[in-house]
Protein backbone atom coordinates (compact mmCIF):
# COMPACT_ATOMS: atom_id res chain seq x y z
CA MET A 1 0.00 0.00 0.00
CA SER A 2 1.23 3.48 -0.86
CA THR A 3 -0.05 7.01 -0.36
CA LYS A 4 -0.52 9.73 -2.95
CA LYS A 5 -1.38 13.37 -2.43
CA ILE A 6 -3.79 15.38 -4.56
CA GLN A 7 -3.88 19.18 -4.29
CA ILE A 8 -7.28 20.85 -4.34
CA ILE A 9 -7.88 24.55 -4.86
CA ILE A 10 -10.68 25.78 -2.60
CA GLU A 11 -11.96 29.21 -3.58
CA GLY A 12 -14.32 30.59 -0.96
CA ALA A 13 -12.77 28.79 2.03
CA THR A 14 -13.34 31.84 4.25
CA GLY A 15 -17.12 31.47 3.87
CA ARG A 16 -19.40 29.32 6.00
CA LEU A 17 -19.76 26.37 3.62
CA GLY A 18 -16.17 26.41 2.42
CA ASN A 19 -14.70 26.45 5.91
CA THR A 20 -17.06 24.62 8.24
CA GLN A 21 -18.25 21.94 5.81
CA HIS A 22 -16.03 21.27 2.79
CA LEU A 23 -12.64 22.03 4.31
CA LYS A 24 -13.66 20.17 7.47
CA GLY A 25 -14.52 17.07 5.41
CA LEU A 26 -11.28 17.10 3.44
CA LEU A 27 -9.16 17.59 6.56
CA ALA A 28 -10.94 14.66 8.22
CA ILE A 29 -9.99 12.44 5.29
CA ARG A 30 -6.39 13.64 5.55
CA LYS A 31 -6.29 13.11 9.32
CA GLU A 32 -7.45 9.50 8.90
CA GLY A 33 -4.59 8.74 6.53
CA GLY A 34 -6.30 9.37 3.24
CA LEU A 35 -9.11 7.90 1.14
CA LEU A 36 -8.83 4.16 0.53
CA LEU A 37 -8.78 3.33 -3.19
CA LYS A 38 -9.62 0.08 -4.99
CA ASN A 39 -5.96 -0.92 -5.34
CA GLY A 40 -5.31 -0.49 -1.62
CA ASP A 41 -3.54 2.84 -1.95
CA ARG A 42 -4.60 5.89 -0.01
CA LEU A 43 -5.30 9.28 -1.55
CA ILE A 44 -4.53 12.23 0.71
CA PRO A 45 -6.29 15.52 -0.14
CA GLU A 46 -4.15 18.63 0.29
CA PRO A 47 -6.27 21.79 0.23
CA VAL A 48 -4.88 25.03 -1.21
CA LEU A 49 -6.95 27.97 -0.05
CA LEU A 50 -7.56 30.73 -2.59
CA GLY A 51 -9.09 34.09 -1.75
CA ARG A 52 -8.64 37.84 -1.48
CA ASN A 53 -8.29 38.36 2.28
CA ALA A 54 -4.80 37.26 3.32
CA ASP A 55 -5.48 37.62 7.03
CA LYS A 56 -8.55 35.39 6.96
CA LEU A 57 -6.84 32.82 4.75
CA GLN A 58 -3.85 32.63 7.05
CA GLU A 59 -6.08 32.35 10.11
CA ILE A 60 -7.89 29.34 8.63
CA ALA A 61 -4.82 27.67 7.09
CA ALA A 62 -2.30 27.98 9.93
CA PRO A 63 -3.85 25.54 12.45
CA HIS A 64 -3.97 22.84 9.76
CA ASN A 65 -0.61 23.56 8.11
CA ILE A 66 -2.13 23.97 4.65
CA ALA A 67 -1.20 26.29 1.78
CA TRP A 68 -3.02 29.49 0.91
CA THR A 69 -2.66 32.26 -1.66
CA THR A 70 -4.27 35.43 -2.95
CA ASP A 71 -2.62 35.03 -6.39
CA ARG A 72 -5.36 33.43 -8.44
CA GLN A 73 -3.45 33.35 -11.71
CA ALA A 74 -0.43 31.62 -10.17
CA CYS A 75 -2.64 29.19 -8.28
CA LEU A 76 -4.42 28.09 -11.46
CA ALA A 77 -1.15 27.90 -13.37
CA ASP A 78 0.40 25.52 -10.82
CA THR A 79 0.19 22.05 -12.41
CA ASN A 80 0.40 20.44 -8.97
CA ASN A 81 -3.12 21.71 -8.28
CA LYS A 82 -5.37 19.12 -9.90
CA ILE A 83 -8.90 20.02 -8.74
CA TYR A 84 -10.66 23.37 -8.56
CA PHE A 85 -13.56 23.76 -6.12
CA ASP A 86 -15.70 26.89 -5.82
CA ALA A 87 -17.73 27.72 -2.71
CA SER A 88 -17.54 31.49 -3.06
CA VAL A 89 -20.51 33.76 -3.80
CA THR A 90 -22.74 32.62 -6.64
CA ALA A 91 -22.07 35.75 -8.71
CA GLY A 92 -19.09 35.19 -10.99
CA ARG A 93 -18.99 31.41 -10.50
CA HIS A 94 -19.27 30.75 -14.23
CA GLN A 95 -16.28 32.95 -15.02
CA ARG A 96 -14.18 31.52 -12.18
CA ALA A 97 -14.96 27.95 -13.19
CA MET A 98 -14.27 28.61 -16.88
CA SER A 99 -10.82 30.02 -16.07
CA ALA A 100 -10.07 26.98 -13.92
CA MET A 101 -11.06 24.60 -16.69
CA SER A 102 -8.97 26.57 -19.17
CA ALA A 103 -6.05 25.82 -16.84
CA GLY A 104 -6.84 22.10 -17.06
CA LYS A 105 -8.36 21.63 -13.61
CA HIS A 106 -10.99 19.05 -12.83
CA ILE A 107 -14.01 20.98 -11.60
CA TYR A 108 -16.29 20.59 -8.57
CA LEU A 109 -18.81 23.33 -7.78
CA GLU A 110 -21.20 24.29 -5.04
CA LYS A 111 -24.77 24.79 -6.15
CA PRO A 112 -26.02 26.70 -7.98
CA ILE A 113 -23.23 26.07 -10.46
CA ALA A 114 -24.02 29.36 -12.26
CA GLU A 115 -26.46 32.26 -12.27
CA SER A 116 -28.36 31.13 -15.38
CA LEU A 117 -29.22 27.98 -17.31
CA ASP A 118 -27.20 29.13 -20.32
CA GLU A 119 -24.09 29.55 -18.14
CA ALA A 120 -24.68 26.15 -16.54
CA ILE A 121 -24.98 24.44 -19.91
CA ASP A 122 -21.82 26.22 -21.06
CA LEU A 123 -19.90 24.89 -18.04
CA ALA A 124 -21.07 21.32 -18.56
CA ALA A 125 -20.33 21.36 -22.28
CA THR A 126 -16.88 22.88 -21.73
CA ALA A 127 -15.91 20.30 -19.11
CA GLU A 128 -16.94 17.46 -21.39
CA ARG A 129 -15.20 18.97 -24.42
CA LEU A 130 -11.96 19.31 -22.47
CA GLY A 131 -12.25 15.81 -21.02
CA LEU A 132 -12.26 17.07 -17.43
CA LYS A 133 -13.88 15.31 -14.50
CA ASN A 134 -16.72 17.49 -13.28
CA GLY A 135 -19.42 17.59 -10.64
CA THR A 136 -21.67 19.59 -8.39
CA VAL A 137 -22.45 19.27 -4.70
CA GLN A 138 -25.63 17.37 -3.79
CA ASP A 139 -25.05 17.17 -0.06
CA LYS A 140 -28.66 16.76 1.06
CA LEU A 141 -28.88 13.25 -0.43
CA PHE A 142 -26.31 12.11 2.14
CA LEU A 143 -28.24 13.38 5.15
CA PRO A 144 -29.13 10.53 7.56
CA SER A 145 -32.84 11.21 7.04
CA LEU A 146 -32.76 11.21 3.25
CA THR A 147 -30.52 8.14 3.23
CA LYS A 148 -33.23 6.37 5.22
CA LEU A 149 -36.02 7.82 3.05
CA ALA A 150 -34.25 6.59 -0.09
CA LYS A 151 -34.08 3.05 1.32
CA VAL A 152 -37.75 3.20 2.32
CA SER A 153 -38.68 4.28 -1.20
CA LYS A 154 -36.44 1.71 -2.88
CA SER A 155 -38.10 -1.07 -0.86
CA GLY A 156 -41.44 -0.28 -2.51
CA PHE A 157 -42.95 0.82 0.80
CA PHE A 158 -44.96 3.71 -0.68
CA GLY A 159 -46.70 1.81 -3.45
CA GLU A 160 -48.06 4.50 -5.77
CA ILE A 161 -46.81 7.88 -4.61
CA TYR A 162 -49.69 10.35 -4.44
CA SER A 163 -48.07 13.51 -3.13
CA ALA A 164 -45.27 15.02 -1.07
CA LYS A 165 -44.80 18.16 1.03
CA ILE A 166 -41.49 19.92 1.65
CA ASP A 167 -41.38 22.59 4.35
CA PHE A 168 -38.06 24.38 4.75
CA GLY A 169 -36.75 27.55 6.35
CA TRP A 170 -36.30 29.60 9.47
CA TRP A 171 -36.35 33.19 10.69
CA VAL A 172 -33.25 35.07 9.53
CA PHE A 173 -32.79 38.19 11.66
CA ASP A 174 -32.79 41.47 9.76
CA GLY A 175 -29.86 42.91 11.73
CA GLU A 176 -31.87 45.40 13.76
CA ILE A 177 -32.01 43.50 17.07
CA HIS A 178 -29.71 40.56 16.34
CA PRO A 179 -27.08 40.06 13.61
CA ALA A 180 -28.34 38.10 10.61
CA GLN A 181 -27.44 34.41 10.46
CA ARG A 182 -26.86 34.59 6.70
CA SER A 183 -24.38 36.74 4.80
CA SER A 184 -25.85 39.88 3.26
CA TRP A 185 -24.86 38.83 -0.27
CA ASN A 186 -27.69 36.27 -0.12
CA TYR A 187 -30.12 39.21 -0.35
CA ARG A 188 -28.52 41.07 -3.28
CA LYS A 189 -29.22 40.18 -6.88
CA LYS A 190 -25.83 41.41 -8.15
CA ASP A 191 -24.10 38.89 -5.87
CA GLY A 192 -26.25 35.95 -6.94
CA GLY A 193 -28.65 36.07 -3.98
CA GLY A 194 -32.23 34.89 -3.73
CA LEU A 195 -33.94 31.90 -2.13
CA VAL A 196 -35.14 30.31 -5.38
CA LEU A 197 -31.60 30.39 -6.76
CA ASP A 198 -30.23 29.07 -3.46
CA MET A 199 -32.68 26.23 -2.82
CA GLY A 200 -34.21 25.45 -6.23
CA PRO A 201 -31.25 23.26 -7.25
CA HIS A 202 -31.58 21.29 -3.99
CA TRP A 203 -35.27 20.63 -4.58
CA ARG A 204 -34.60 19.45 -8.14
CA TYR A 205 -32.17 16.69 -7.19
CA ILE A 206 -34.00 15.72 -3.99
CA VAL A 207 -37.37 15.31 -5.71
CA GLU A 208 -36.02 13.54 -8.77
CA SER A 209 -33.75 11.22 -6.78
CA LEU A 210 -36.47 10.15 -4.35
CA LEU A 211 -39.86 10.73 -5.97
CA GLY A 212 -39.70 11.02 -9.74
CA GLU A 213 -38.98 13.27 -12.71
CA ILE A 214 -40.47 16.78 -12.62
CA LYS A 215 -42.86 17.59 -15.48
CA SER A 216 -43.92 21.16 -14.67
CA VAL A 217 -43.91 23.81 -11.95
CA SER A 218 -46.12 26.59 -10.61
CA CYS A 219 -44.39 29.10 -8.34
CA LYS A 220 -45.01 32.31 -6.42
CA THR A 221 -42.16 34.32 -4.90
CA LYS A 222 -42.12 37.13 -2.35
CA THR A 223 -39.72 39.50 -0.61
CA ALA A 224 -41.06 39.34 2.93
CA VAL A 225 -38.37 41.46 4.62
CA PRO A 226 -37.54 44.35 2.25
CA SER A 227 -34.82 46.04 4.30
CA ARG A 228 -31.90 44.58 6.26
CA ARG A 229 -28.57 45.53 7.82
CA ASP A 230 -25.30 44.06 6.58
CA GLU A 231 -22.23 42.83 8.47
CA LYS A 232 -21.17 46.41 9.21
CA GLY A 233 -24.61 47.39 10.46
CA LEU A 234 -25.42 49.44 7.35
CA ALA A 235 -28.98 49.35 6.03
CA TYR A 236 -29.61 48.01 2.53
CA ASP A 237 -32.62 47.15 0.38
CA VAL A 238 -33.35 43.50 -0.40
CA ASP A 239 -33.89 43.08 -4.14
CA VAL A 240 -34.38 39.30 -4.29
CA ASP A 241 -36.94 36.80 -3.01
CA ASP A 242 -36.70 35.44 0.54
CA THR A 243 -39.87 33.32 0.33
CA PHE A 244 -41.33 31.08 -2.36
CA PHE A 245 -44.10 28.52 -2.62
CA ALA A 246 -44.03 26.04 -5.50
CA THR A 247 -46.09 23.10 -6.71
CA LEU A 248 -44.39 20.48 -8.83
CA GLU A 249 -46.20 18.05 -11.10
CA LEU A 250 -44.24 14.85 -11.61
CA VAL A 251 -44.27 12.66 -14.68
CA ASN A 252 -45.69 9.82 -12.56
CA GLY A 253 -48.68 12.02 -11.65
CA ALA A 254 -47.66 12.87 -8.10
CA LEU A 255 -47.83 16.44 -6.80
CA VAL A 256 -45.11 17.99 -4.63
CA GLU A 257 -45.78 21.12 -2.59
CA ILE A 258 -42.74 23.15 -1.51
CA HIS A 259 -42.71 25.94 1.08
CA SER A 260 -39.33 27.69 1.42
CA SER A 261 -38.72 30.79 3.51
CA TRP A 262 -36.04 32.79 5.30
CA ALA A 263 -38.86 34.65 7.06
CA SER A 264 -40.77 31.86 8.79
CA ARG A 265 -40.62 30.96 12.47
CA ILE A 266 -40.31 27.24 13.18
CA LYS A 267 -42.97 25.17 14.90
CA ARG A 268 -42.31 21.75 13.43
CA ASP A 269 -39.85 18.94 14.09
CA ASP A 270 -36.94 20.35 12.09
CA ILE A 271 -35.75 23.15 9.82
CA LEU A 272 -36.53 20.80 6.92
CA THR A 273 -39.46 18.38 6.92
CA ILE A 274 -40.49 16.15 4.03
CA GLN A 275 -43.67 14.09 3.98
CA VAL A 276 -44.37 11.51 1.28
CA ASP A 277 -47.83 9.91 1.00
CA GLY A 278 -48.49 6.77 -1.02
CA SER A 279 -51.05 4.01 -1.43
CA ARG A 280 -49.19 1.60 0.89
CA GLY A 281 -47.77 4.03 3.41
CA SER A 282 -46.37 7.43 4.29
CA ALA A 283 -43.05 8.74 5.58
CA VAL A 284 -41.93 11.94 7.29
CA CYS A 285 -38.34 13.01 7.80
CA GLY A 286 -36.24 15.97 8.88
CA PHE A 287 -32.47 16.33 8.70
CA TYR A 288 -31.71 13.30 10.87
CA ARG A 289 -34.76 11.21 11.73
CA CYS A 290 -37.29 9.41 9.51
CA PHE A 291 -40.68 8.00 10.51
CA ILE A 292 -43.09 5.75 8.59
CA GLN A 293 -46.76 4.78 8.86
CA PRO A 294 -47.77 1.75 6.76
CA ALA A 295 -51.29 1.43 5.40
CA ALA A 296 -52.06 -1.55 7.64
CA ALA A 297 -51.17 0.49 10.74
CA THR A 298 -52.89 3.74 9.78
CA PRO A 299 -55.36 4.69 12.55
CA LYS A 300 -58.84 6.06 12.03
CA SER A 301 -58.52 9.64 13.20
CA LEU A 302 -61.60 11.22 14.74
CA VAL A 303 -62.21 14.95 14.49
CA SER A 304 -64.29 16.93 16.95
CA VAL A 305 -65.14 20.61 16.67
CA GLU A 306 -66.38 20.72 20.26
CA ALA A 307 -63.13 19.99 22.14
CA PRO A 308 -59.37 19.95 21.51
CA THR A 309 -58.14 16.62 20.18
CA SER A 310 -56.45 14.31 22.67
CA GLU A 311 -55.02 12.09 19.94
CA ASN A 312 -51.22 11.84 19.92
CA PHE A 313 -50.53 11.75 16.19
CA HIS A 314 -46.75 11.60 16.63
CA SER A 315 -46.95 8.35 18.59
CA GLN A 316 -48.69 6.62 15.69
CA TRP A 317 -45.53 6.59 13.57
CA ILE A 318 -42.65 4.11 13.54
CA GLU A 319 -39.09 5.46 13.50
CA VAL A 320 -36.73 4.04 10.89
CA PRO A 321 -33.76 2.78 12.93
CA ASP A 322 -30.09 3.63 12.47
CA VAL A 323 -28.49 0.51 11.03
CA SER A 324 -25.17 2.12 10.09
CA THR A 325 -23.04 5.13 10.94
CA TYR A 326 -23.37 8.29 8.89
CA THR A 327 -20.64 10.51 7.48
CA ASN A 328 -20.68 14.28 7.04
CA PRO A 329 -22.75 14.81 3.86
CA TYR A 330 -20.15 17.13 2.32
CA ARG A 331 -17.39 14.62 2.98
CA CYS A 332 -19.49 11.92 1.27
CA GLY A 333 -19.57 14.03 -1.89
CA TRP A 334 -15.82 14.64 -1.74
CA GLU A 335 -15.04 10.95 -1.36
CA LEU A 336 -17.09 10.13 -4.44
CA PHE A 337 -15.55 12.94 -6.47
CA LEU A 338 -11.98 12.10 -5.47
CA LYS A 339 -12.54 8.49 -6.53
CA HIS A 340 -14.08 9.78 -9.75
CA VAL A 341 -10.94 11.81 -10.49
CA GLN A 342 -8.38 9.25 -9.33
CA GLU A 343 -9.83 5.95 -10.53
CA ASP A 344 -12.70 7.00 -12.82
CA GLY A 345 -15.33 5.91 -10.30
CA HIS A 346 -19.00 6.73 -10.88
CA PHE A 347 -20.05 10.20 -9.85
CA PRO A 348 -23.83 10.70 -9.66
CA SER A 349 -24.00 14.50 -10.00
CA PRO A 350 -21.98 15.90 -12.92
CA LEU A 351 -22.41 19.47 -14.07
CA ARG A 352 -25.27 18.22 -16.25
CA ALA A 353 -27.22 17.63 -13.02
CA GLY A 354 -26.30 21.13 -11.85
CA ALA A 355 -27.75 22.55 -15.06
CA LYS A 356 -31.06 20.82 -14.32
CA GLY A 357 -31.16 22.73 -11.05
CA LEU A 358 -30.85 26.04 -12.93
CA GLN A 359 -33.60 24.92 -15.31
CA LEU A 360 -35.98 24.59 -12.36
CA VAL A 361 -34.85 27.96 -10.96
CA GLU A 362 -35.60 29.76 -14.22
CA ALA A 363 -38.93 27.94 -14.59
CA CYS A 364 -39.90 29.11 -11.07
CA TYR A 365 -39.06 32.72 -11.85
CA ARG A 366 -40.89 32.53 -15.18
CA SER A 367 -43.94 30.97 -13.53
CA ASN A 368 -44.00 33.78 -10.97
CA ALA A 369 -43.68 36.47 -13.64
CA GLU A 370 -46.28 34.98 -16.00
CA ARG A 371 -48.56 33.59 -13.27
CA ARG A 372 -48.89 30.16 -14.89
CA TRP A 373 -47.55 26.58 -15.01
CA ILE A 374 -44.21 26.11 -16.78
CA ASP A 375 -43.15 22.79 -18.34
CA LEU A 376 -39.63 21.42 -17.89
CA PRO A 377 -38.64 19.72 -21.16
CA ASP A 378 -35.78 17.25 -21.44
CA LEU A 379 -32.53 19.14 -21.02
CA SER A 380 -30.17 18.36 -23.86
CA ILE A 381 -26.58 19.50 -23.43
């Protein structure tokens, strides 16, 4: 057995996702002696942090003894850097990724992979033309809950799927009383902000991986909180959506209702809840736990308008047990992509999949503008 290092450019490592999720996952692989490959060798990821703020880069890099630079051109020109990963702001991602591919780097991108469908298609086509390994992050599929939900679905538990409901979001402070929990760029169009653009790609791969292909969408967006304060306490106007409701019609006839909001206070089991109802049973999950109710065990609920119900609906569900340990979802994606690059292993979410996310985003915005259903045709790249 031997070890081999692979250097990975991480642009946007000073941000929340880049630092606390992606970098954390890669460093965990390194700490454990590398990723085990088919031939028994171990692949050790060596991050190279790329950004504009030298002080922040050094602060993050120093405790882990990893390289950092503010010289983007030199970083891309270095042939020792094999993979380029972008977790910076959405705005400009297309241009950054194109320059990395021009330098011969394999490409892995946070979602959304671009600001428009045309840019996303351009990225996918360019990566394929240049023969570069490519992919986009689909972290939610590796959540413990969705891993369980996928196994429940694969077992045939649902029978015919009738409908599903996705409820996601929380209250993001506007900066007046408490600092906002999200960066201000998320609320500016010029920086690639907006909730549809942020979460639409997630909903595309979650729904199509677990429930079925999307046929059409109806969507309504809203800016619930029109004014906020940024990281310096300065007031600014929000010019993107922070709330959207969408209904998806699937090819198999099922309907999926999605509520997403950064202006909704939580009174449910988790920040994200997904309920799937089918002829043979239903399932409900959050980020970590998953519960099922088979048809044979579905109680007859009684409704009274004269007194509050005493029925404990939560107790009528069966929890899907943990039968294995779970890995950080972002690390799961990295392990698959590293094997894809090093030994040509299968990678389930190439940039083509990222482009489908942008197709749904644009269909949602078009539906909102035209106040009608929008079809999602096959996406040919």
